[in-house]
PDB file of N, CA and C in Angstrom:
ATOM      1  N   UNK A   1     -74.567 -16.907  62.199  1.00  0.00           N
ATOM      2  CA  UNK A   1     -74.977 -15.534  62.424  1.00  0.00           C
ATOM      3  C   UNK A   1     -75.729 -15.478  63.747  1.00  0.00           C
ATOM      4  N   UNK A   2     -75.368 -14.532  64.597  1.00  0.00           N
ATOM      5  CA  UNK A   2     -76.048 -14.458  65.896  1.00  0.00           C
ATOM      6  C   UNK A   2     -77.491 -13.999  65.731  1.00  0.00           C
ATOM      7  N   UNK A   3     -78.323 -14.503  66.618  1.00  0.00           N
ATOM      8  CA  UNK A   3     -79.732 -14.149  66.586  1.00  0.00           C
ATOM      9  C   UNK A   3     -79.894 -12.700  67.050  1.00  0.00           C
ATOM     10  N   UNK A   4     -80.766 -11.905  66.375  1.00  0.00           N
ATOM     11  CA  UNK A   4     -80.940 -10.516  66.791  1.00  0.00           C
ATOM     12  C   UNK A   4     -81.432 -10.445  68.231  1.00  0.00           C
ATOM     13  N   UNK A   5     -80.885  -9.507  68.919  1.00  0.00           N
ATOM     14  CA  UNK A   5     -81.257  -9.347  70.325  1.00  0.00           C
ATOM     15  C   UNK A   5     -82.480  -8.462  70.430  1.00  0.00           C
ATOM     16  N   UNK A   6     -82.967  -8.345  71.640  1.00  0.00           N
ATOM     17  CA  UNK A   6     -84.139  -7.529  71.891  1.00  0.00           C
ATOM     18  C   UNK A   6     -83.847  -6.057  71.628  1.00  0.00           C
ATOM     19  N   UNK A   7     -82.599  -5.622  71.843  1.00  0.00           N
ATOM     20  CA  UNK A   7     -82.270  -4.221  71.612  1.00  0.00           C
ATOM     21  C   UNK A   7     -82.371  -3.876  70.118  1.00  0.00           C
ATOM     22  N   UNK A   8     -82.104  -4.836  69.241  1.00  0.00           N
ATOM     23  CA  UNK A   8     -82.254  -4.613  67.802  1.00  0.00           C
ATOM     24  C   UNK A   8     -83.713  -4.303  67.482  1.00  0.00           C
ATOM     25  N   UNK A   9     -84.630  -5.077  68.054  1.00  0.00           N
ATOM     26  CA  UNK A   9     -86.052  -4.847  67.814  1.00  0.00           C
ATOM     27  C   UNK A   9     -86.523  -3.539  68.423  1.00  0.00           C
ATOM     28  N   UNK A  10     -85.981  -3.196  69.574  1.00  0.00           N
ATOM     29  CA  UNK A  10     -86.345  -1.920  70.199  1.00  0.00           C
ATOM     30  C   UNK A  10     -85.883  -0.756  69.326  1.00  0.00           C
ATOM     31  N   UNK A  11     -84.681  -0.884  68.785  1.00  0.00           N
ATOM     32  CA  UNK A  11     -84.150   0.173  67.926  1.00  0.00           C
ATOM     33  C   UNK A  11     -85.004   0.316  66.664  1.00  0.00           C
ATOM     34  N   UNK A  12     -85.382  -0.795  66.066  1.00  0.00           N
ATOM     35  CA  UNK A  12     -86.210  -0.760  64.858  1.00  0.00           C
ATOM     36  C   UNK A  12     -87.565  -0.130  65.148  1.00  0.00           C
ATOM     37  N   UNK A  13     -88.179  -0.519  66.265  1.00  0.00           N
ATOM     38  CA  UNK A  13     -89.469   0.037  66.654  1.00  0.00           C
ATOM     39  C   UNK A  13     -89.357   1.523  66.954  1.00  0.00           C
ATOM     40  N   UNK A  14     -88.272   1.934  67.597  1.00  0.00           N
ATOM     41  CA  UNK A  14     -88.078   3.345  67.918  1.00  0.00           C
ATOM     42  C   UNK A  14     -87.916   4.180  66.642  1.00  0.00           C
ATOM     43  N   UNK A  15     -87.179   3.662  65.673  1.00  0.00           N
ATOM     44  CA  UNK A  15     -87.004   4.394  64.408  1.00  0.00           C
ATOM     45  C   UNK A  15     -88.338   4.511  63.677  1.00  0.00           C
ATOM     46  N   UNK A  16     -89.099   3.423  63.628  1.00  0.00           N
ATOM     47  CA  UNK A  16     -90.398   3.456  62.960  1.00  0.00           C
ATOM     48  C   UNK A  16     -91.338   4.439  63.646  1.00  0.00           C
ATOM     49  N   UNK A  17     -91.341   4.435  64.983  1.00  0.00           N
ATOM     50  CA  UNK A  17     -92.198   5.365  65.719  1.00  0.00           C
ATOM     51  C   UNK A  17     -91.751   6.807  65.472  1.00  0.00           C
ATOM     52  N   UNK A  18     -90.454   7.042  65.398  1.00  0.00           N
ATOM     53  CA  UNK A  18     -89.953   8.390  65.138  1.00  0.00           C
ATOM     54  C   UNK A  18     -90.368   8.896  63.767  1.00  0.00           C
ATOM     55  N   UNK A  19     -90.281   8.037  62.771  1.00  0.00           N
ATOM     56  CA  UNK A  19     -90.703   8.433  61.422  1.00  0.00           C
ATOM     57  C   UNK A  19     -92.197   8.727  61.400  1.00  0.00           C
ATOM     58  N   UNK A  20     -92.980   7.879  62.050  1.00  0.00           N
ATOM     59  CA  UNK A  20     -94.432   8.073  62.096  1.00  0.00           C
ATOM     60  C   UNK A  20     -94.782   9.377  62.798  1.00  0.00           C
ATOM     61  N   UNK A  21     -94.167   9.640  63.937  1.00  0.00           N
ATOM     62  CA  UNK A  21     -94.454  10.880  64.663  1.00  0.00           C
ATOM     63  C   UNK A  21     -93.983  12.102  63.872  1.00  0.00           C
ATOM     64  N   UNK A  22     -92.878  11.977  63.155  1.00  0.00           N
ATOM     65  CA  UNK A  22     -92.406  13.083  62.318  1.00  0.00           C
ATOM     66  C   UNK A  22     -93.397  13.412  61.214  1.00  0.00           C
ATOM     67  N   UNK A  23     -93.949  12.382  60.598  1.00  0.00           N
ATOM     68  CA  UNK A  23     -94.955  12.605  59.558  1.00  0.00           C
ATOM     69  C   UNK A  23     -96.202  13.259  60.136  1.00  0.00           C
ATOM     70  N   UNK A  24     -96.614  12.823  61.315  1.00  0.00           N
ATOM     71  CA  UNK A  24     -97.771  13.443  61.964  1.00  0.00           C
ATOM     72  C   UNK A  24     -97.500  14.905  62.287  1.00  0.00           C
ATOM     73  N   UNK A  25     -96.288  15.224  62.738  1.00  0.00           N
ATOM     74  CA  UNK A  25     -95.946  16.608  63.062  1.00  0.00           C
ATOM     75  C   UNK A  25     -95.970  17.484  61.810  1.00  0.00           C
ATOM     76  N   UNK A  26     -95.441  16.977  60.715  1.00  0.00           N
ATOM     77  CA  UNK A  26     -95.455  17.749  59.464  1.00  0.00           C
ATOM     78  C   UNK A  26     -96.890  17.959  58.996  1.00  0.00           C
ATOM     79  N   UNK A  27     -97.718  16.930  59.059  1.00  0.00           N
ATOM     80  CA  UNK A  27     -99.110  17.046  58.630  1.00  0.00           C
ATOM     81  C   UNK A  27     -99.871  18.039  59.503  1.00  0.00           C
ATOM     82  N   UNK A  28     -99.670  17.979  60.813  1.00  0.00           N
ATOM     83  CA  UNK A  28    -100.361  18.905  61.711  1.00  0.00           C
ATOM     84  C   UNK A  28     -99.918  20.342  61.458  1.00  0.00           C
ATOM     85  N   UNK A  29     -98.631  20.559  61.227  1.00  0.00           N
ATOM     86  CA  UNK A  29     -98.130  21.906  60.949  1.00  0.00           C
ATOM     87  C   UNK A  29     -98.715  22.434  59.647  1.00  0.00           C
ATOM     88  N   UNK A  30     -98.740  21.604  58.627  1.00  0.00           N
ATOM     89  CA  UNK A  30     -99.297  22.030  57.341  1.00  0.00           C
ATOM     90  C   UNK A  30    -100.774  22.354  57.474  1.00  0.00           C
ATOM     91  N   UNK A  31    -101.503  21.540  58.233  1.00  0.00           N
ATOM     92  CA  UNK A  31    -102.927  21.795  58.417  1.00  0.00           C
ATOM     93  C   UNK A  31    -103.157  23.102  59.159  1.00  0.00           C
ATOM     94  N   UNK A  32    -102.371  23.372  60.198  1.00  0.00           N
ATOM     95  CA  UNK A  32    -102.526  24.618  60.949  1.00  0.00           C
ATOM     96  C   UNK A  32    -102.181  25.834  60.088  1.00  0.00           C
ATOM     97  N   UNK A  33    -101.131  25.739  59.295  1.00  0.00           N
ATOM     98  CA  UNK A  33    -100.765  26.855  58.423  1.00  0.00           C
ATOM     99  C   UNK A  33    -101.811  27.072  57.335  1.00  0.00           C
ATOM    100  N   UNK A  34    -102.358  25.995  56.796  1.00  0.00           N
ATOM    101  CA  UNK A  34    -103.355  26.116  55.746  1.00  0.00           C
ATOM    102  C   UNK A  34    -104.645  26.731  56.285  1.00  0.00           C
ATOM    103  N   UNK A  35    -104.989  26.349  57.509  1.00  0.00           N
ATOM    104  CA  UNK A  35    -106.212  26.863  58.115  1.00  0.00           C
ATOM    105  C   UNK A  35    -106.102  28.354  58.390  1.00  0.00           C
ATOM    106  N   UNK A  36    -104.920  28.841  58.788  1.00  0.00           N
ATOM    107  CA  UNK A  36    -104.734  30.251  59.110  1.00  0.00           C
ATOM    108  C   UNK A  36    -104.320  31.087  57.902  1.00  0.00           C
ATOM    109  N   UNK A  37    -103.971  30.474  56.804  1.00  0.00           N
ATOM    110  CA  UNK A  37    -103.474  31.208  55.638  1.00  0.00           C
ATOM    111  C   UNK A  37    -104.501  32.172  55.051  1.00  0.00           C
ATOM    112  N   UNK A  38    -105.767  31.802  54.858  1.00  0.00           N
ATOM    113  CA  UNK A  38    -106.713  32.767  54.281  1.00  0.00           C
ATOM    114  C   UNK A  38    -106.870  34.013  55.144  1.00  0.00           C
ATOM    115  N   UNK A  39    -106.791  33.864  56.456  1.00  0.00           N
ATOM    116  CA  UNK A  39    -106.906  35.028  57.322  1.00  0.00           C
ATOM    117  C   UNK A  39    -105.690  35.936  57.190  1.00  0.00           C
ATOM    118  N   UNK A  40    -104.530  35.365  57.003  1.00  0.00           N
ATOM    119  CA  UNK A  40    -103.323  36.170  56.889  1.00  0.00           C
ATOM    120  C   UNK A  40    -103.251  36.872  55.539  1.00  0.00           C
ATOM    121  N   UNK A  41    -103.799  36.276  54.491  1.00  0.00           N
ATOM    122  CA  UNK A  41    -103.731  36.861  53.156  1.00  0.00           C
ATOM    123  C   UNK A  41    -104.869  37.829  52.864  1.00  0.00           C
ATOM    124  N   UNK A  42    -105.915  37.822  53.648  1.00  0.00           N
ATOM    125  CA  UNK A  42    -107.081  38.646  53.374  1.00  0.00           C
ATOM    126  C   UNK A  42    -106.765  40.140  53.305  1.00  0.00           C
ATOM    127  N   UNK A  43    -105.973  40.728  54.209  1.00  0.00           N
ATOM    128  CA  UNK A  43    -105.700  42.162  54.090  1.00  0.00           C
ATOM    129  C   UNK A  43    -104.925  42.512  52.816  1.00  0.00           C
ATOM    130  N   UNK A  44    -104.111  41.616  52.325  1.00  0.00           N
ATOM    131  CA  UNK A  44    -103.323  41.898  51.128  1.00  0.00           C
ATOM    132  C   UNK A  44    -104.161  41.798  49.859  1.00  0.00           C
ATOM    133  N   UNK A  45    -105.221  41.010  49.886  1.00  0.00           N
ATOM    134  CA  UNK A  45    -106.021  40.804  48.692  1.00  0.00           C
ATOM    135  C   UNK A  45    -107.064  41.893  48.480  1.00  0.00           C
ATOM    136  N   UNK A  46    -107.466  42.570  49.530  1.00  0.00           N
ATOM    137  CA  UNK A  46    -108.493  43.598  49.413  1.00  0.00           C
ATOM    138  C   UNK A  46    -107.922  44.820  48.699  1.00  0.00           C
ATOM    139  N   UNK A  47    -108.623  45.364  47.703  1.00  0.00           N
ATOM    140  CA  UNK A  47    -108.116  46.546  47.011  1.00  0.00           C
ATOM    141  C   UNK A  47    -108.201  47.771  47.912  1.00  0.00           C
ATOM    142  N   UNK A  48    -107.241  48.643  47.758  1.00  0.00           N
ATOM    143  CA  UNK A  48    -107.247  49.850  48.581  1.00  0.00           C
ATOM    144  C   UNK A  48    -108.307  50.808  48.042  1.00  0.00           C
ATOM    145  N   UNK A  49    -109.036  51.500  48.909  1.00  0.00           N
ATOM    146  CA  UNK A  49    -110.118  52.371  48.450  1.00  0.00           C
ATOM    147  C   UNK A  49    -109.611  53.653  47.782  1.00  0.00           C
ATOM    148  N   UNK A  50    -108.343  54.012  47.917  1.00  0.00           N
ATOM    149  CA  UNK A  50    -107.843  55.270  47.373  1.00  0.00           C
ATOM    150  C   UNK A  50    -107.399  55.162  45.921  1.00  0.00           C
ATOM    151  N   UNK A  51    -107.401  53.979  45.358  1.00  0.00           N
ATOM    152  CA  UNK A  51    -106.948  53.845  43.979  1.00  0.00           C
ATOM    153  C   UNK A  51    -108.023  54.339  43.027  1.00  0.00           C
ATOM    154  N   UNK A  52    -107.590  55.031  41.986  1.00  0.00           N
ATOM    155  CA  UNK A  52    -108.527  55.512  40.980  1.00  0.00           C
ATOM    156  C   UNK A  52    -108.493  54.560  39.798  1.00  0.00           C
ATOM    157  N   UNK A  53    -109.608  54.299  39.198  1.00  0.00           N
ATOM    158  CA  UNK A  53    -109.610  53.391  38.056  1.00  0.00           C
ATOM    159  C   UNK A  53    -108.882  54.031  36.870  1.00  0.00           C
ATOM    160  N   UNK A  54    -108.107  53.231  36.185  1.00  0.00           N
ATOM    161  CA  UNK A  54    -107.373  53.736  35.035  1.00  0.00           C
ATOM    162  C   UNK A  54    -108.245  53.639  33.796  1.00  0.00           C
ATOM    163  N   UNK A  55    -107.977  54.501  32.857  1.00  0.00           N
ATOM    164  CA  UNK A  55    -108.752  54.502  31.621  1.00  0.00           C
ATOM    165  C   UNK A  55    -108.357  53.287  30.790  1.00  0.00           C
ATOM    166  N   UNK A  56    -109.307  52.648  30.159  1.00  0.00           N
ATOM    167  CA  UNK A  56    -108.965  51.494  29.331  1.00  0.00           C
ATOM    168  C   UNK A  56    -108.137  51.956  28.129  1.00  0.00           C
ATOM    169  N   UNK A  57    -107.274  51.095  27.624  1.00  0.00           N
ATOM    170  CA  UNK A  57    -106.463  51.486  26.471  1.00  0.00           C
ATOM    171  C   UNK A  57    -107.356  51.739  25.264  1.00  0.00           C
ATOM    172  N   UNK A  58    -106.939  52.626  24.408  1.00  0.00           N
ATOM    173  CA  UNK A  58    -107.780  52.911  23.239  1.00  0.00           C
ATOM    174  C   UNK A  58    -107.910  51.663  22.366  1.00  0.00           C
ATOM    175  N   UNK A  59    -109.108  51.435  21.901  1.00  0.00           N
ATOM    176  CA  UNK A  59    -109.353  50.244  21.095  1.00  0.00           C
ATOM    177  C   UNK A  59    -109.045  50.538  19.634  1.00  0.00           C
ATOM    178  N   UNK A  60    -108.462  49.553  18.996  1.00  0.00           N
ATOM    179  CA  UNK A  60    -108.176  49.692  17.575  1.00  0.00           C
ATOM    180  C   UNK A  60    -109.294  49.025  16.791  1.00  0.00           C
ATOM    181  N   UNK A  61    -109.417  49.434  15.595  1.00  0.00           N
ATOM    182  CA  UNK A  61    -110.472  48.838  14.783  1.00  0.00           C
ATOM    183  C   UNK A  61    -110.087  47.409  14.403  1.00  0.00           C
ATOM    184  N   UNK A  62    -111.087  46.646  14.096  1.00  0.00           N
ATOM    185  CA  UNK A  62    -110.852  45.254  13.708  1.00  0.00           C
ATOM    186  C   UNK A  62    -110.030  45.173  12.430  1.00  0.00           C
ATOM    187  N   UNK A  63    -110.240  46.127  11.546  1.00  0.00           N
ATOM    188  CA  UNK A  63    -109.505  46.123  10.278  1.00  0.00           C
ATOM    189  C   UNK A  63    -108.010  46.298  10.514  1.00  0.00           C
ATOM    190  N   UNK A  64    -107.640  47.203  11.431  1.00  0.00           N
ATOM    191  CA  UNK A  64    -106.221  47.417  11.739  1.00  0.00           C
ATOM    192  C   UNK A  64    -105.602  46.158  12.336  1.00  0.00           C
ATOM    193  N   UNK A  65    -106.320  45.545  13.258  1.00  0.00           N
ATOM    194  CA  UNK A  65    -105.803  44.330  13.883  1.00  0.00           C
ATOM    195  C   UNK A  65    -105.676  43.203  12.862  1.00  0.00           C
ATOM    196  N   UNK A  66    -106.631  43.112  11.939  1.00  0.00           N
ATOM    197  CA  UNK A  66    -106.573  42.072  10.924  1.00  0.00           C
ATOM    198  C   UNK A  66    -105.394  42.299   9.984  1.00  0.00           C
ATOM    199  N   UNK A  67    -105.151  43.551   9.608  1.00  0.00           N
ATOM    200  CA  UNK A  67    -104.008  43.860   8.747  1.00  0.00           C
ATOM    201  C   UNK A  67    -102.698  43.511   9.444  1.00  0.00           C
ATOM    202  N   UNK A  68    -102.621  43.833  10.734  1.00  0.00           N
ATOM    203  CA  UNK A  68    -101.415  43.499  11.496  1.00  0.00           C
ATOM    204  C   UNK A  68    -101.240  41.981  11.561  1.00  0.00           C
ATOM    205  N   UNK A  69    -102.309  41.257  11.744  1.00  0.00           N
ATOM    206  CA  UNK A  69    -102.258  39.794  11.761  1.00  0.00           C
ATOM    207  C   UNK A  69    -101.755  39.258  10.420  1.00  0.00           C
ATOM    208  N   UNK A  70    -102.288  39.802   9.324  1.00  0.00           N
ATOM    209  CA  UNK A  70    -101.857  39.351   8.000  1.00  0.00           C
ATOM    210  C   UNK A  70    -100.375  39.634   7.768  1.00  0.00           C
ATOM    211  N   UNK A  71     -99.908  40.795   8.211  1.00  0.00           N
ATOM    212  CA  UNK A  71     -98.492  41.130   8.050  1.00  0.00           C
ATOM    213  C   UNK A  71     -97.616  40.162   8.835  1.00  0.00           C
ATOM    214  N   UNK A  72     -98.024  39.851  10.039  1.00  0.00           N
ATOM    215  CA  UNK A  72     -97.247  38.904  10.850  1.00  0.00           C
ATOM    216  C   UNK A  72     -97.230  37.520  10.204  1.00  0.00           C
ATOM    217  N   UNK A  73     -98.375  37.086   9.708  1.00  0.00           N
ATOM    218  CA  UNK A  73     -98.438  35.778   9.058  1.00  0.00           C
ATOM    219  C   UNK A  73     -97.545  35.743   7.822  1.00  0.00           C
ATOM    220  N   UNK A  74     -97.560  36.834   7.060  1.00  0.00           N
ATOM    221  CA  UNK A  74     -96.738  36.893   5.857  1.00  0.00           C
ATOM    222  C   UNK A  74     -95.255  36.868   6.212  1.00  0.00           C
ATOM    223  N   UNK A  75     -94.869  37.615   7.239  1.00  0.00           N
ATOM    224  CA  UNK A  75     -93.454  37.624   7.629  1.00  0.00           C
ATOM    225  C   UNK A  75     -93.028  36.260   8.173  1.00  0.00           C
ATOM    226  N   UNK A  76     -93.908  35.592   8.907  1.00  0.00           N
ATOM    227  CA  UNK A  76     -93.590  34.248   9.391  1.00  0.00           C
ATOM    228  C   UNK A  76     -93.423  33.271   8.230  1.00  0.00           C
ATOM    229  N   UNK A  77     -94.297  33.382   7.235  1.00  0.00           N
ATOM    230  CA  UNK A  77     -94.206  32.499   6.073  1.00  0.00           C
ATOM    231  C   UNK A  77     -92.904  32.744   5.319  1.00  0.00           C
ATOM    232  N   UNK A  78     -92.530  34.013   5.152  1.00  0.00           N
ATOM    233  CA  UNK A  78     -91.276  34.331   4.467  1.00  0.00           C
ATOM    234  C   UNK A  78     -90.080  33.797   5.244  1.00  0.00           C
ATOM    235  N   UNK A  79     -90.128  33.931   6.549  1.00  0.00           N
ATOM    236  CA  UNK A  79     -89.031  33.434   7.384  1.00  0.00           C
ATOM    237  C   UNK A  79     -88.913  31.913   7.265  1.00  0.00           C
ATOM    238  N   UNK A  80     -90.037  31.217   7.283  1.00  0.00           N
ATOM    239  CA  UNK A  80     -90.007  29.761   7.136  1.00  0.00           C
ATOM    240  C   UNK A  80     -89.476  29.363   5.762  1.00  0.00           C
ATOM    241  N   UNK A  81     -89.876  30.092   4.727  1.00  0.00           N
ATOM    242  CA  UNK A  81     -89.386  29.785   3.381  1.00  0.00           C
ATOM    243  C   UNK A  81     -87.879  29.982   3.292  1.00  0.00           C
ATOM    244  N   UNK A  82     -87.368  31.067   3.882  1.00  0.00           N
ATOM    245  CA  UNK A  82     -85.921  31.298   3.869  1.00  0.00           C
ATOM    246  C   UNK A  82     -85.189  30.188   4.607  1.00  0.00           C
ATOM    247  N   UNK A  83     -85.751  29.754   5.721  1.00  0.00           N
ATOM    248  CA  UNK A  83     -85.112  28.694   6.498  1.00  0.00           C
ATOM    249  C   UNK A  83     -85.098  27.377   5.709  1.00  0.00           C
ATOM    250  N   UNK A  84     -86.181  27.074   5.017  1.00  0.00           N
ATOM    251  CA  UNK A  84     -86.239  25.853   4.208  1.00  0.00           C
ATOM    252  C   UNK A  84     -85.233  25.925   3.072  1.00  0.00           C
ATOM    253  N   UNK A  85     -85.172  27.069   2.397  1.00  0.00           N
ATOM    254  CA  UNK A  85     -84.211  27.225   1.300  1.00  0.00           C
ATOM    255  C   UNK A  85     -82.778  27.079   1.795  1.00  0.00           C
ATOM    256  N   UNK A  86     -82.504  27.649   2.957  1.00  0.00           N
ATOM    257  CA  UNK A  86     -81.153  27.566   3.517  1.00  0.00           C
ATOM    258  C   UNK A  86     -80.792  26.117   3.838  1.00  0.00           C
ATOM    259  N   UNK A  87     -81.726  25.379   4.431  1.00  0.00           N
ATOM    260  CA  UNK A  87     -81.426  23.985   4.779  1.00  0.00           C
ATOM    261  C   UNK A  87     -81.249  23.131   3.522  1.00  0.00           C
ATOM    262  N   UNK A  88     -82.052  23.394   2.484  1.00  0.00           N
ATOM    263  CA  UNK A  88     -81.893  22.644   1.233  1.00  0.00           C
ATOM    264  C   UNK A  88     -80.559  22.957   0.580  1.00  0.00           C
ATOM    265  N   UNK A  89     -80.153  24.218   0.631  1.00  0.00           N
ATOM    266  CA  UNK A  89     -78.867  24.603   0.056  1.00  0.00           C
ATOM    267  C   UNK A  89     -77.719  23.938   0.813  1.00  0.00           C
ATOM    268  N   UNK A  90     -77.822  23.889   2.138  1.00  0.00           N
ATOM    269  CA  UNK A  90     -76.788  23.227   2.935  1.00  0.00           C
ATOM    270  C   UNK A  90     -76.727  21.733   2.614  1.00  0.00           C
ATOM    271  N   UNK A  91     -77.891  21.121   2.389  1.00  0.00           N
ATOM    272  CA  UNK A  91     -77.912  19.699   2.032  1.00  0.00           C
ATOM    273  C   UNK A  91     -77.197  19.475   0.698  1.00  0.00           C
ATOM    274  N   UNK A  92     -77.474  20.370  -0.265  1.00  0.00           N
ATOM    275  CA  UNK A  92     -76.821  20.225  -1.573  1.00  0.00           C
ATOM    276  C   UNK A  92     -75.315  20.407  -1.455  1.00  0.00           C
ATOM    277  N   UNK A  93     -74.871  21.420  -0.714  1.00  0.00           N
ATOM    278  CA  UNK A  93     -73.433  21.677  -0.589  1.00  0.00           C
ATOM    279  C   UNK A  93     -72.720  20.566   0.170  1.00  0.00           C
ATOM    280  N   UNK A  94     -73.402  19.901   1.083  1.00  0.00           N
ATOM    281  CA  UNK A  94     -72.769  18.843   1.870  1.00  0.00           C
ATOM    282  C   UNK A  94     -72.894  17.466   1.224  1.00  0.00           C
ATOM    283  N   UNK A  95     -73.557  17.388   0.078  1.00  0.00           N
ATOM    284  CA  UNK A  95     -73.709  16.079  -0.567  1.00  0.00           C
ATOM    285  C   UNK A  95     -72.378  15.643  -1.175  1.00  0.00           C
ATOM    286  N   UNK A  96     -72.212  14.335  -1.314  1.00  0.00           N
ATOM    287  CA  UNK A  96     -70.961  13.780  -1.843  1.00  0.00           C
ATOM    288  C   UNK A  96     -70.703  14.200  -3.289  1.00  0.00           C
ATOM    289  N   UNK A  97     -71.706  14.157  -4.191  1.00  0.00           N
ATOM    290  CA  UNK A  97     -71.420  14.580  -5.569  1.00  0.00           C
ATOM    291  C   UNK A  97     -70.997  16.049  -5.662  1.00  0.00           C
ATOM    292  N   UNK A  98     -71.634  16.899  -4.869  1.00  0.00           N
ATOM    293  CA  UNK A  98     -71.265  18.317  -4.895  1.00  0.00           C
ATOM    294  C   UNK A  98     -69.826  18.495  -4.434  1.00  0.00           C
ATOM    295  N   UNK A  99     -69.450  17.830  -3.353  1.00  0.00           N
ATOM    296  CA  UNK A  99     -68.083  17.949  -2.840  1.00  0.00           C
ATOM    297  C   UNK A  99     -67.077  17.416  -3.861  1.00  0.00           C
ATOM    298  N   UNK A 100     -67.434  16.331  -4.527  1.00  0.00           N
ATOM    299  CA  UNK A 100     -66.537  15.757  -5.530  1.00  0.00           C
ATOM    300  C   UNK A 100     -66.296  16.740  -6.673  1.00  0.00           C
ATOM    301  N   UNK A 101     -67.384  17.272  -7.249  1.00  0.00           N
ATOM    302  CA  UNK A 101     -67.221  18.171  -8.389  1.00  0.00           C
ATOM    303  C   UNK A 101     -66.634  19.508  -7.973  1.00  0.00           C
ATOM    304  N   UNK A 102     -66.832  19.923  -6.734  1.00  0.00           N
ATOM    305  CA  UNK A 102     -66.189  21.138  -6.233  1.00  0.00           C
ATOM    306  C   UNK A 102     -64.677  20.947  -6.188  1.00  0.00           C
ATOM    307  N   UNK A 103     -64.231  19.793  -5.717  1.00  0.00           N
ATOM    308  CA  UNK A 103     -62.792  19.510  -5.686  1.00  0.00           C
ATOM    309  C   UNK A 103     -62.231  19.375  -7.098  1.00  0.00           C
ATOM    310  N   UNK A 104     -63.011  18.762  -7.982  1.00  0.00           N
ATOM    311  CA  UNK A 104     -62.558  18.641  -9.371  1.00  0.00           C
ATOM    312  C   UNK A 104     -62.392  20.018 -10.011  1.00  0.00           C
ATOM    313  N   UNK A 105     -63.340  20.903  -9.745  1.00  0.00           N
ATOM    314  CA  UNK A 105     -63.265  22.249 -10.319  1.00  0.00           C
ATOM    315  C   UNK A 105     -62.094  23.030  -9.729  1.00  0.00           C
ATOM    316  N   UNK A 106     -61.842  22.847  -8.418  1.00  0.00           N
ATOM    317  CA  UNK A 106     -60.714  23.549  -7.798  1.00  0.00           C
ATOM    318  C   UNK A 106     -59.389  23.031  -8.346  1.00  0.00           C
ATOM    319  N   UNK A 107     -59.319  21.741  -8.625  1.00  0.00           N
ATOM    320  CA  UNK A 107     -58.080  21.163  -9.150  1.00  0.00           C
ATOM    321  C   UNK A 107     -57.897  21.502 -10.630  1.00  0.00           C
ATOM    322  N   UNK A 108     -58.993  21.494 -11.384  1.00  0.00           N
ATOM    323  CA  UNK A 108     -58.918  21.741 -12.829  1.00  0.00           C
ATOM    324  C   UNK A 108     -60.113  22.605 -13.231  1.00  0.00           C
ATOM    325  N   UNK A 109     -59.974  23.936 -13.154  1.00  0.00           N
ATOM    326  CA  UNK A 109     -61.117  24.822 -13.422  1.00  0.00           C
ATOM    327  C   UNK A 109     -61.455  24.927 -14.912  1.00  0.00           C
ATOM    328  N   UNK A 110     -62.098  23.890 -15.427  1.00  0.00           N
ATOM    329  CA  UNK A 110     -62.541  23.910 -16.822  1.00  0.00           C
ATOM    330  C   UNK A 110     -64.039  24.172 -16.857  1.00  0.00           C
ATOM    331  N   UNK A 111     -64.524  24.487 -18.040  1.00  0.00           N
ATOM    332  CA  UNK A 111     -65.948  24.766 -18.208  1.00  0.00           C
ATOM    333  C   UNK A 111     -66.787  23.527 -17.904  1.00  0.00           C
ATOM    334  N   UNK A 112     -66.306  22.361 -18.296  1.00  0.00           N
ATOM    335  CA  UNK A 112     -67.035  21.112 -18.049  1.00  0.00           C
ATOM    336  C   UNK A 112     -67.178  20.862 -16.549  1.00  0.00           C
ATOM    337  N   UNK A 113     -66.079  21.030 -15.796  1.00  0.00           N
ATOM    338  CA  UNK A 113     -66.139  20.819 -14.344  1.00  0.00           C
ATOM    339  C   UNK A 113     -67.032  21.861 -13.676  1.00  0.00           C
ATOM    340  N   UNK A 114     -67.011  23.084 -14.199  1.00  0.00           N
ATOM    341  CA  UNK A 114     -67.876  24.123 -13.627  1.00  0.00           C
ATOM    342  C   UNK A 114     -69.345  23.768 -13.845  1.00  0.00           C
ATOM    343  N   UNK A 115     -69.682  23.294 -15.027  1.00  0.00           N
ATOM    344  CA  UNK A 115     -71.071  22.911 -15.307  1.00  0.00           C
ATOM    345  C   UNK A 115     -71.508  21.749 -14.415  1.00  0.00           C
ATOM    346  N   UNK A 116     -70.644  20.771 -14.211  1.00  0.00           N
ATOM    347  CA  UNK A 116     -70.970  19.643 -13.328  1.00  0.00           C
ATOM    348  C   UNK A 116     -71.155  20.132 -11.891  1.00  0.00           C
ATOM    349  N   UNK A 117     -70.242  21.019 -11.446  1.00  0.00           N
ATOM    350  CA  UNK A 117     -70.332  21.548 -10.082  1.00  0.00           C
ATOM    351  C   UNK A 117     -71.636  22.326  -9.908  1.00  0.00           C
ATOM    352  N   UNK A 118     -71.971  23.165 -10.884  1.00  0.00           N
ATOM    353  CA  UNK A 118     -73.220  23.928 -10.804  1.00  0.00           C
ATOM    354  C   UNK A 118     -74.435  23.008 -10.827  1.00  0.00           C
ATOM    355  N   UNK A 119     -74.350  21.915 -11.575  1.00  0.00           N
ATOM    356  CA  UNK A 119     -75.469  20.982 -11.643  1.00  0.00           C
ATOM    357  C   UNK A 119     -75.721  20.264 -10.329  1.00  0.00           C
ATOM    358  N   UNK A 120     -74.666  19.895  -9.624  1.00  0.00           N
ATOM    359  CA  UNK A 120     -74.836  19.151  -8.367  1.00  0.00           C
ATOM    360  C   UNK A 120     -74.955  20.061  -7.146  1.00  0.00           C
ATOM    361  N   UNK A 121     -74.323  21.225  -7.203  1.00  0.00           N
ATOM    362  CA  UNK A 121     -74.342  22.110  -6.028  1.00  0.00           C
ATOM    363  C   UNK A 121     -75.433  23.166  -6.120  1.00  0.00           C
ATOM    364  N   UNK A 122     -76.071  23.309  -7.232  1.00  0.00           N
ATOM    365  CA  UNK A 122     -77.159  24.258  -7.352  1.00  0.00           C
ATOM    366  C   UNK A 122     -76.685  25.572  -7.752  1.00  0.00           C
TER     367      UNK A 122
END
């Protein structure tokens, strides 16, 4: 393998210097923009003197808010219960014994097979 020439080292040094100077340029630009940013944003942040204050929304009594909270909690609990029941029902219908007795009942719809199917499928 040939020994690296001086131009290889010059190229490596030039690339490293370019990266370093690029980082310095980005840092200097960010610092200058950050330093001038509060001055540029100040007119936008000041409230205009012509605005009139709006009336606060009417306050509800604590009892009304508490009743609304209780209603929401109750509806959430009912929704969770329905979801749990649905998942349990799906588990029962997808179980192997339920599928077996369902097929048995479809093939031979007798009272015994119906009772077995109802027992395993719910």
